[in-house]
Amino acid sequence: ASLTSMFMFGPNDRDNIDDFRPMVCDSSGLAILTGTGE
């Protein structure tokens, strides 16, 4: 069930970024629902 996406930069990761946009990504995070419900 592989997923493939793009994350270039965002408010948590802008090292050496010189870009007029505040954020560039297809996905901002990974969400997980574990077997225990966490």
PDB file of all heavy atoms in Angstrom:
ATOM      1  N   ALA A   1       0.841  -1.209   0.000  1.00  0.00           N
ATOM      2  CA  ALA A   1       0.000   0.000   0.000  1.00  0.00           C
ATOM      3  C   ALA A   1       0.868   1.248   0.000  1.00  0.00           C
ATOM      4  O   ALA A   1       0.633   2.196   0.755  1.00  0.00           O
ATOM      5  CB  ALA A   1      -0.955  -0.009   1.192  1.00  0.00           C
ATOM      6  N   SER A   2       1.861   1.269  -0.860  1.00  0.00           N
ATOM      7  CA  SER A   2       2.842   2.365  -0.889  1.00  0.00           C
ATOM      8  C   SER A   2       2.221   3.657  -1.401  1.00  0.00           C
ATOM      9  O   SER A   2       1.468   3.662  -2.383  1.00  0.00           O
ATOM     10  CB  SER A   2       4.029   1.990  -1.776  1.00  0.00           C
ATOM     11  OG  SER A   2       4.730   0.898  -1.247  1.00  0.00           O
ATOM     12  N   LEU A   3       2.589   4.755  -0.758  1.00  0.00           N
ATOM     13  CA  LEU A   3       2.215   6.100  -1.178  1.00  0.00           C
ATOM     14  C   LEU A   3       3.483   6.895  -1.457  1.00  0.00           C
ATOM     15  O   LEU A   3       4.464   6.775  -0.718  1.00  0.00           O
ATOM     16  CB  LEU A   3       1.388   6.806  -0.103  1.00  0.00           C
ATOM     17  CG  LEU A   3       0.122   6.094   0.375  1.00  0.00           C
ATOM     18  CD1 LEU A   3      -0.540   6.912   1.478  1.00  0.00           C
ATOM     19  CD2 LEU A   3      -0.848   5.867  -0.779  1.00  0.00           C
ATOM     20  N   THR A   4       3.454   7.709  -2.502  1.00  0.00           N
ATOM     21  CA  THR A   4       4.614   8.506  -2.896  1.00  0.00           C
ATOM     22  C   THR A   4       4.179   9.950  -3.071  1.00  0.00           C
ATOM     23  O   THR A   4       3.193  10.221  -3.756  1.00  0.00           O
ATOM     24  CB  THR A   4       5.223   7.979  -4.211  1.00  0.00           C
ATOM     25  OG1 THR A   4       5.621   6.619  -4.029  1.00  0.00           O
ATOM     26  CG2 THR A   4       6.431   8.780  -4.615  1.00  0.00           C
ATOM     27  N   SER A   5       4.923  10.886  -2.457  1.00  0.00           N
ATOM     28  CA  SER A   5       4.506  12.276  -2.462  1.00  0.00           C
ATOM     29  C   SER A   5       5.723  13.189  -2.519  1.00  0.00           C
ATOM     30  O   SER A   5       6.859  12.727  -2.695  1.00  0.00           O
ATOM     31  CB  SER A   5       3.665  12.569  -1.213  1.00  0.00           C
ATOM     32  OG  SER A   5       2.977  13.793  -1.324  1.00  0.00           O
ATOM     33  N   MET A   6       5.477  14.495  -2.376  1.00  0.00           N
ATOM     34  CA  MET A   6       6.546  15.488  -2.448  1.00  0.00           C
ATOM     35  C   MET A   6       6.423  16.472  -1.291  1.00  0.00           C
ATOM     36  O   MET A   6       5.341  16.992  -1.007  1.00  0.00           O
ATOM     37  CB  MET A   6       6.479  16.240  -3.785  1.00  0.00           C
ATOM     38  CG  MET A   6       7.567  17.296  -3.999  1.00  0.00           C
ATOM     39  SD  MET A   6       7.201  18.937  -3.275  1.00  0.00           S
ATOM     40  CE  MET A   6       5.788  19.457  -4.248  1.00  0.00           C
ATOM     41  N   PHE A   7       7.542  16.705  -0.615  1.00  0.00           N
ATOM     42  CA  PHE A   7       7.647  17.785   0.366  1.00  0.00           C
ATOM     43  C   PHE A   7       8.968  18.484   0.113  1.00  0.00           C
ATOM     44  O   PHE A   7      10.031  17.882   0.254  1.00  0.00           O
ATOM     45  CB  PHE A   7       7.600  17.260   1.802  1.00  0.00           C
ATOM     46  CG  PHE A   7       7.670  18.346   2.842  1.00  0.00           C
ATOM     47  CD1 PHE A   7       6.523  18.888   3.380  1.00  0.00           C
ATOM     48  CD2 PHE A   7       8.901  18.853   3.255  1.00  0.00           C
ATOM     49  CE1 PHE A   7       6.591  19.916   4.319  1.00  0.00           C
ATOM     50  CE2 PHE A   7       8.972  19.866   4.189  1.00  0.00           C
ATOM     51  CZ  PHE A   7       7.818  20.408   4.722  1.00  0.00           C
ATOM     52  N   MET A   8       8.889  19.774  -0.276  1.00  0.00           N
ATOM     53  CA  MET A   8      10.117  20.531  -0.518  1.00  0.00           C
ATOM     54  C   MET A   8      10.454  21.428   0.669  1.00  0.00           C
ATOM     55  O   MET A   8      11.549  21.390   1.199  1.00  0.00           O
ATOM     56  CB  MET A   8      10.012  21.344  -1.794  1.00  0.00           C
ATOM     57  CG  MET A   8      11.325  22.012  -2.184  1.00  0.00           C
ATOM     58  SD  MET A   8      11.203  22.885  -3.756  1.00  0.00           S
ATOM     59  CE  MET A   8      12.831  23.654  -3.810  1.00  0.00           C
ATOM     60  N   PHE A   9       9.496  22.238   1.108  1.00  0.00           N
ATOM     61  CA  PHE A   9       9.727  23.041   2.304  1.00  0.00           C
ATOM     62  C   PHE A   9       8.399  23.514   2.882  1.00  0.00           C
ATOM     63  O   PHE A   9       7.357  23.483   2.226  1.00  0.00           O
ATOM     64  CB  PHE A   9      10.646  24.247   2.016  1.00  0.00           C
ATOM     65  CG  PHE A   9      10.072  25.265   1.057  1.00  0.00           C
ATOM     66  CD1 PHE A   9       9.246  26.287   1.496  1.00  0.00           C
ATOM     67  CD2 PHE A   9      10.387  25.213  -0.291  1.00  0.00           C
ATOM     68  CE1 PHE A   9       8.733  27.232   0.617  1.00  0.00           C
ATOM     69  CE2 PHE A   9       9.882  26.153  -1.186  1.00  0.00           C
ATOM     70  CZ  PHE A   9       9.056  27.161  -0.733  1.00  0.00           C
ATOM     71  N   GLY A  10       8.467  23.917   4.156  1.00  0.00           N
ATOM     72  CA  GLY A  10       7.305  24.443   4.859  1.00  0.00           C
ATOM     73  C   GLY A  10       7.768  25.203   6.081  1.00  0.00           C
ATOM     74  O   GLY A  10       8.977  25.382   6.303  1.00  0.00           O
ATOM     75  N   PRO A  11       6.843  25.657   6.929  1.00  0.00           N
ATOM     76  CA  PRO A  11       7.212  26.459   8.094  1.00  0.00           C
ATOM     77  C   PRO A  11       8.131  25.741   9.081  1.00  0.00           C
ATOM     78  O   PRO A  11       8.796  26.395   9.882  1.00  0.00           O
ATOM     79  CB  PRO A  11       5.855  26.783   8.745  1.00  0.00           C
ATOM     80  CG  PRO A  11       4.856  26.629   7.656  1.00  0.00           C
ATOM     81  CD  PRO A  11       5.382  25.546   6.776  1.00  0.00           C
ATOM     82  N   ASN A  12       8.168  24.417   9.029  1.00  0.00           N
ATOM     83  CA  ASN A  12       9.050  23.655   9.921  1.00  0.00           C
ATOM     84  C   ASN A  12      10.405  23.356   9.292  1.00  0.00           C
ATOM     85  O   ASN A  12      11.293  22.816   9.956  1.00  0.00           O
ATOM     86  CB  ASN A  12       8.391  22.334  10.304  1.00  0.00           C
ATOM     87  CG  ASN A  12       8.164  21.431   9.099  1.00  0.00           C
ATOM     88  OD1 ASN A  12       7.593  21.872   8.113  1.00  0.00           O
ATOM     89  ND2 ASN A  12       8.586  20.181   9.179  1.00  0.00           N
ATOM     90  N   ASP A  13      10.583  23.682   8.014  1.00  0.00           N
ATOM     91  CA  ASP A  13      11.797  23.267   7.306  1.00  0.00           C
ATOM     92  C   ASP A  13      12.041  24.214   6.136  1.00  0.00           C
ATOM     93  O   ASP A  13      11.624  23.951   5.010  1.00  0.00           O
ATOM     94  CB  ASP A  13      11.632  21.826   6.814  1.00  0.00           C
ATOM     95  CG  ASP A  13      12.913  21.259   6.216  1.00  0.00           C
ATOM     96  OD1 ASP A  13      13.903  21.995   6.131  1.00  0.00           O
ATOM     97  OD2 ASP A  13      12.910  20.082   5.835  1.00  0.00           O
ATOM     98  N   ARG A  14      12.722  25.335   6.425  1.00  0.00           N
ATOM     99  CA  ARG A  14      13.018  26.319   5.380  1.00  0.00           C
ATOM    100  C   ARG A  14      14.517  26.614   5.292  1.00  0.00           C
ATOM    101  O   ARG A  14      14.916  27.694   4.835  1.00  0.00           O
ATOM    102  CB  ARG A  14      12.262  27.630   5.644  1.00  0.00           C
ATOM    103  CG  ARG A  14      10.756  27.552   5.410  1.00  0.00           C
ATOM    104  CD  ARG A  14      10.131  28.948   5.451  1.00  0.00           C
ATOM    105  NE  ARG A  14      10.655  29.796   4.396  1.00  0.00           N
ATOM    106  CZ  ARG A  14      10.087  29.936   3.200  1.00  0.00           C
ATOM    107  NH1 ARG A  14       8.995  29.257   2.891  1.00  0.00           N
ATOM    108  NH2 ARG A  14      10.612  30.745   2.306  1.00  0.00           N
ATOM    109  N   ASP A  15      15.341  25.674   5.675  1.00  0.00           N
ATOM    110  CA  ASP A  15      16.784  25.898   5.607  1.00  0.00           C
ATOM    111  C   ASP A  15      17.217  26.161   4.164  1.00  0.00           C
ATOM    112  O   ASP A  15      16.888  25.395   3.251  1.00  0.00           O
ATOM    113  CB  ASP A  15      17.540  24.678   6.147  1.00  0.00           C
ATOM    114  CG  ASP A  15      17.401  24.543   7.647  1.00  0.00           C
ATOM    115  OD1 ASP A  15      16.890  25.484   8.281  1.00  0.00           O
ATOM    116  OD2 ASP A  15      17.795  23.487   8.182  1.00  0.00           O
ATOM    117  N   ASN A  16      17.940  27.249   3.960  1.00  0.00           N
ATOM    118  CA  ASN A  16      18.493  27.611   2.656  1.00  0.00           C
ATOM    119  C   ASN A  16      17.427  27.777   1.577  1.00  0.00           C
ATOM    120  O   ASN A  16      17.693  27.573   0.387  1.00  0.00           O
ATOM    121  CB  ASN A  16      19.523  26.567   2.195  1.00  0.00           C
ATOM    122  CG  ASN A  16      20.655  26.399   3.181  1.00  0.00           C
ATOM    123  OD1 ASN A  16      21.224  27.378   3.662  1.00  0.00           O
ATOM    124  ND2 ASN A  16      20.992  25.147   3.498  1.00  0.00           N
ATOM    125  N   ILE A  17      16.229  28.166   1.965  1.00  0.00           N
ATOM    126  CA  ILE A  17      15.140  28.372   1.008  1.00  0.00           C
ATOM    127  C   ILE A  17      15.010  29.853   0.688  1.00  0.00           C
ATOM    128  O   ILE A  17      14.892  30.687   1.592  1.00  0.00           O
ATOM    129  CB  ILE A  17      13.807  27.843   1.570  1.00  0.00           C
ATOM    130  CG1 ILE A  17      13.865  26.327   1.721  1.00  0.00           C
ATOM    131  CG2 ILE A  17      12.647  28.248   0.673  1.00  0.00           C
ATOM    132  CD1 ILE A  17      14.039  25.566   0.426  1.00  0.00           C
ATOM    133  N   ASP A  18      15.057  30.182  -0.588  1.00  0.00           N
ATOM    134  CA  ASP A  18      14.820  31.541  -1.069  1.00  0.00           C
ATOM    135  C   ASP A  18      13.679  31.457  -2.078  1.00  0.00           C
ATOM    136  O   ASP A  18      13.889  31.235  -3.263  1.00  0.00           O
ATOM    137  CB  ASP A  18      16.081  32.109  -1.713  1.00  0.00           C
ATOM    138  CG  ASP A  18      15.910  33.565  -2.142  1.00  0.00           C
ATOM    139  OD1 ASP A  18      14.913  34.186  -1.738  1.00  0.00           O
ATOM    140  OD2 ASP A  18      16.768  34.059  -2.904  1.00  0.00           O
ATOM    141  N   ASP A  19      12.453  31.595  -1.611  1.00  0.00           N
ATOM    142  CA  ASP A  19      11.268  31.357  -2.431  1.00  0.00           C
ATOM    143  C   ASP A  19      10.155  32.256  -1.927  1.00  0.00           C
ATOM    144  O   ASP A  19       9.997  32.448  -0.721  1.00  0.00           O
ATOM    145  CB  ASP A  19      10.857  29.879  -2.336  1.00  0.00           C
ATOM    146  CG  ASP A  19       9.912  29.452  -3.446  1.00  0.00           C
ATOM    147  OD1 ASP A  19       8.787  29.993  -3.523  1.00  0.00           O
ATOM    148  OD2 ASP A  19      10.293  28.573  -4.242  1.00  0.00           O
ATOM    149  N   PHE A  20       9.350  32.795  -2.861  1.00  0.00           N
ATOM    150  CA  PHE A  20       8.278  33.706  -2.453  1.00  0.00           C
ATOM    151  C   PHE A  20       7.128  32.965  -1.772  1.00  0.00           C
ATOM    152  O   PHE A  20       6.297  33.578  -1.091  1.00  0.00           O
ATOM    153  CB  PHE A  20       7.734  34.464  -3.680  1.00  0.00           C
ATOM    154  CG  PHE A  20       6.876  33.635  -4.600  1.00  0.00           C
ATOM    155  CD1 PHE A  20       5.498  33.602  -4.452  1.00  0.00           C
ATOM    156  CD2 PHE A  20       7.450  32.884  -5.622  1.00  0.00           C
ATOM    157  CE1 PHE A  20       4.701  32.845  -5.305  1.00  0.00           C
ATOM    158  CE2 PHE A  20       6.670  32.131  -6.475  1.00  0.00           C
ATOM    159  CZ  PHE A  20       5.296  32.109  -6.324  1.00  0.00           C
ATOM    160  N   ARG A  21       7.079  31.654  -1.935  1.00  0.00           N
ATOM    161  CA  ARG A  21       5.973  30.869  -1.375  1.00  0.00           C
ATOM    162  C   ARG A  21       6.292  30.409   0.048  1.00  0.00           C
ATOM    163  O   ARG A  21       7.427  30.025   0.341  1.00  0.00           O
ATOM    164  CB  ARG A  21       5.691  29.664  -2.269  1.00  0.00           C
ATOM    165  CG  ARG A  21       5.300  30.033  -3.685  1.00  0.00           C
ATOM    166  CD  ARG A  21       5.339  28.833  -4.619  1.00  0.00           C
ATOM    167  NE  ARG A  21       6.705  28.328  -4.805  1.00  0.00           N
ATOM    168  CZ  ARG A  21       7.021  27.303  -5.601  1.00  0.00           C
ATOM    169  NH1 ARG A  21       6.061  26.684  -6.262  1.00  0.00           N
ATOM    170  NH2 ARG A  21       8.274  26.918  -5.717  1.00  0.00           N
ATOM    171  N   PRO A  22       5.297  30.415   0.937  1.00  0.00           N
ATOM    172  CA  PRO A  22       5.551  29.960   2.313  1.00  0.00           C
ATOM    173  C   PRO A  22       5.661  28.445   2.459  1.00  0.00           C
ATOM    174  O   PRO A  22       6.206  27.960   3.451  1.00  0.00           O
ATOM    175  CB  PRO A  22       4.348  30.482   3.093  1.00  0.00           C
ATOM    176  CG  PRO A  22       3.272  30.660   2.073  1.00  0.00           C
ATOM    177  CD  PRO A  22       3.956  31.025   0.792  1.00  0.00           C
ATOM    178  N   MET A  23       5.162  27.690   1.480  1.00  0.00           N
ATOM    179  CA  MET A  23       5.110  26.241   1.629  1.00  0.00           C
ATOM    180  C   MET A  23       4.991  25.606   0.245  1.00  0.00           C
ATOM    181  O   MET A  23       4.250  26.104  -0.614  1.00  0.00           O
ATOM    182  CB  MET A  23       3.905  25.866   2.505  1.00  0.00           C
ATOM    183  CG  MET A  23       3.881  24.453   3.037  1.00  0.00           C
ATOM    184  SD  MET A  23       2.517  24.275   4.225  1.00  0.00           S
ATOM    185  CE  MET A  23       2.840  22.645   4.867  1.00  0.00           C
ATOM    186  N   VAL A  24       5.719  24.517   0.003  1.00  0.00           N
ATOM    187  CA  VAL A  24       5.629  23.783  -1.260  1.00  0.00           C
ATOM    188  C   VAL A  24       5.599  22.292  -0.929  1.00  0.00           C
ATOM    189  O   VAL A  24       6.616  21.720  -0.522  1.00  0.00           O
ATOM    190  CB  VAL A  24       6.811  24.102  -2.197  1.00  0.00           C
ATOM    191  CG1 VAL A  24       6.812  23.156  -3.399  1.00  0.00           C
ATOM    192  CG2 VAL A  24       6.751  25.549  -2.666  1.00  0.00           C
ATOM    193  N   CYS A  25       4.446  21.661  -1.080  1.00  0.00           N
ATOM    194  CA  CYS A  25       4.340  20.231  -0.789  1.00  0.00           C
ATOM    195  C   CYS A  25       3.014  19.692  -1.292  1.00  0.00           C
ATOM    196  O   CYS A  25       2.021  20.404  -1.370  1.00  0.00           O
ATOM    197  CB  CYS A  25       4.479  19.951   0.706  1.00  0.00           C
ATOM    198  SG  CYS A  25       3.163  20.650   1.723  1.00  0.00           S
ATOM    199  N   ASP A  26       3.004  18.404  -1.622  1.00  0.00           N
ATOM    200  CA  ASP A  26       1.767  17.680  -1.908  1.00  0.00           C
ATOM    201  C   ASP A  26       1.126  17.172  -0.627  1.00  0.00           C
ATOM    202  O   ASP A  26      -0.080  16.961  -0.567  1.00  0.00           O
ATOM    203  CB  ASP A  26       2.047  16.475  -2.810  1.00  0.00           C
ATOM    204  CG  ASP A  26       2.337  16.863  -4.249  1.00  0.00           C
ATOM    205  OD1 ASP A  26       1.945  17.956  -4.661  1.00  0.00           O
ATOM    206  OD2 ASP A  26       2.969  16.052  -4.958  1.00  0.00           O
ATOM    207  N   SER A  27       1.958  16.898   0.366  1.00  0.00           N
ATOM    208  CA  SER A  27       1.492  16.380   1.657  1.00  0.00           C
ATOM    209  C   SER A  27       2.291  17.060   2.756  1.00  0.00           C
ATOM    210  O   SER A  27       3.497  17.256   2.612  1.00  0.00           O
ATOM    211  CB  SER A  27       1.695  14.864   1.758  1.00  0.00           C
ATOM    212  OG  SER A  27       1.117  14.192   0.667  1.00  0.00           O
ATOM    213  N   SER A  28       1.624  17.397   3.856  1.00  0.00           N
ATOM    214  CA  SER A  28       2.326  18.066   4.951  1.00  0.00           C
ATOM    215  C   SER A  28       2.733  17.118   6.061  1.00  0.00           C
ATOM    216  O   SER A  28       3.595  17.452   6.876  1.00  0.00           O
ATOM    217  CB  SER A  28       1.459  19.188   5.530  1.00  0.00           C
ATOM    218  OG  SER A  28       0.216  18.683   5.990  1.00  0.00           O
ATOM    219  N   GLY A  29       2.137  15.911   6.112  1.00  0.00           N
ATOM    220  CA  GLY A  29       2.496  15.009   7.192  1.00  0.00           C
ATOM    221  C   GLY A  29       1.990  13.605   6.978  1.00  0.00           C
ATOM    222  O   GLY A  29       1.156  13.333   6.096  1.00  0.00           O
ATOM    223  N   LEU A  30       2.512  12.711   7.791  1.00  0.00           N
ATOM    224  CA  LEU A  30       2.087  11.312   7.829  1.00  0.00           C
ATOM    225  C   LEU A  30       1.206  11.102   9.052  1.00  0.00           C
ATOM    226  O   LEU A  30       1.621  11.396  10.184  1.00  0.00           O
ATOM    227  CB  LEU A  30       3.306  10.390   7.899  1.00  0.00           C
ATOM    228  CG  LEU A  30       3.045   8.911   8.209  1.00  0.00           C
ATOM    229  CD1 LEU A  30       2.297   8.238   7.064  1.00  0.00           C
ATOM    230  CD2 LEU A  30       4.357   8.184   8.508  1.00  0.00           C
ATOM    231  N   ALA A  31      -0.012  10.610   8.837  1.00  0.00           N
ATOM    232  CA  ALA A  31      -0.917  10.271   9.939  1.00  0.00           C
ATOM    233  C   ALA A  31      -1.007   8.752  10.053  1.00  0.00           C
ATOM    234  O   ALA A  31      -1.034   8.049   9.038  1.00  0.00           O
ATOM    235  CB  ALA A  31      -2.301  10.862   9.701  1.00  0.00           C
ATOM    236  N   ILE A  32      -1.045   8.259  11.276  1.00  0.00           N
ATOM    237  CA  ILE A  32      -1.102   6.821  11.532  1.00  0.00           C
ATOM    238  C   ILE A  32      -2.140   6.544  12.611  1.00  0.00           C
ATOM    239  O   ILE A  32      -2.193   7.251  13.627  1.00  0.00           O
ATOM    240  CB  ILE A  32       0.265   6.273  11.988  1.00  0.00           C
ATOM    241  CG1 ILE A  32       1.342   6.537  10.936  1.00  0.00           C
ATOM    242  CG2 ILE A  32       0.181   4.778  12.295  1.00  0.00           C
ATOM    243  CD1 ILE A  32       2.751   6.184  11.401  1.00  0.00           C
ATOM    244  N   LEU A  33      -2.954   5.517  12.410  1.00  0.00           N
ATOM    245  CA  LEU A  33      -3.857   4.997  13.426  1.00  0.00           C
ATOM    246  C   LEU A  33      -3.390   3.586  13.753  1.00  0.00           C
ATOM    247  O   LEU A  33      -3.506   2.666  12.943  1.00  0.00           O
ATOM    248  CB  LEU A  33      -5.297   4.987  12.922  1.00  0.00           C
ATOM    249  CG  LEU A  33      -6.366   4.413  13.863  1.00  0.00           C
ATOM    250  CD1 LEU A  33      -6.355   5.109  15.217  1.00  0.00           C
ATOM    251  CD2 LEU A  33      -7.744   4.503  13.211  1.00  0.00           C
ATOM    252  N   THR A  34      -2.790   3.415  14.930  1.00  0.00           N
ATOM    253  CA  THR A  34      -2.183   2.131  15.292  1.00  0.00           C
ATOM    254  C   THR A  34      -3.249   1.116  15.693  1.00  0.00           C
ATOM    255  O   THR A  34      -4.427   1.449  15.881  1.00  0.00           O
ATOM    256  CB  THR A  34      -1.185   2.299  16.443  1.00  0.00           C
ATOM    257  OG1 THR A  34      -1.912   2.578  17.647  1.00  0.00           O
ATOM    258  CG2 THR A  34      -0.197   3.425  16.158  1.00  0.00           C
ATOM    259  N   GLY A  35      -2.805  -0.124  15.873  1.00  0.00           N
ATOM    260  CA  GLY A  35      -3.725  -1.176  16.285  1.00  0.00           C
ATOM    261  C   GLY A  35      -4.310  -0.969  17.662  1.00  0.00           C
ATOM    262  O   GLY A  35      -5.380  -1.500  17.978  1.00  0.00           O
ATOM    263  N   THR A  36      -3.641  -0.199  18.510  1.00  0.00           N
ATOM    264  CA  THR A  36      -4.153   0.097  19.852  1.00  0.00           C
ATOM    265  C   THR A  36      -5.052   1.321  19.882  1.00  0.00           C
ATOM    266  O   THR A  36      -5.551   1.699  20.945  1.00  0.00           O
ATOM    267  CB  THR A  36      -2.981   0.313  20.827  1.00  0.00           C
ATOM    268  OG1 THR A  36      -2.210   1.459  20.397  1.00  0.00           O
ATOM    269  CG2 THR A  36      -2.089  -0.908  20.887  1.00  0.00           C
ATOM    270  N   GLY A  37      -5.233   1.967  18.729  1.00  0.00           N
ATOM    271  CA  GLY A  37      -6.085   3.146  18.666  1.00  0.00           C
ATOM    272  C   GLY A  37      -5.351   4.458  18.846  1.00  0.00           C
ATOM    273  O   GLY A  37      -5.978   5.527  18.843  1.00  0.00           O
ATOM    274  N   GLU A  38      -4.032   4.429  19.003  1.00  0.00           N
ATOM    275  CA  GLU A  38      -3.276   5.675  19.131  1.00  0.00           C
ATOM    276  C   GLU A  38      -3.165   6.346  17.770  1.00  0.00           C
ATOM    277  O   GLU A  38      -2.924   5.690  16.753  1.00  0.00           O
ATOM    278  CB  GLU A  38      -1.879   5.416  19.690  1.00  0.00           C
ATOM    279  CG  GLU A  38      -1.083   6.704  19.900  1.00  0.00           C
ATOM    280  CD  GLU A  38       0.312   6.471  20.446  1.00  0.00           C
ATOM    281  OE1 GLU A  38       0.829   5.343  20.291  1.00  0.00           O
ATOM    282  OE2 GLU A  38       0.872   7.414  21.017  1.00  0.00           O
TER     283      GLU A  38
END
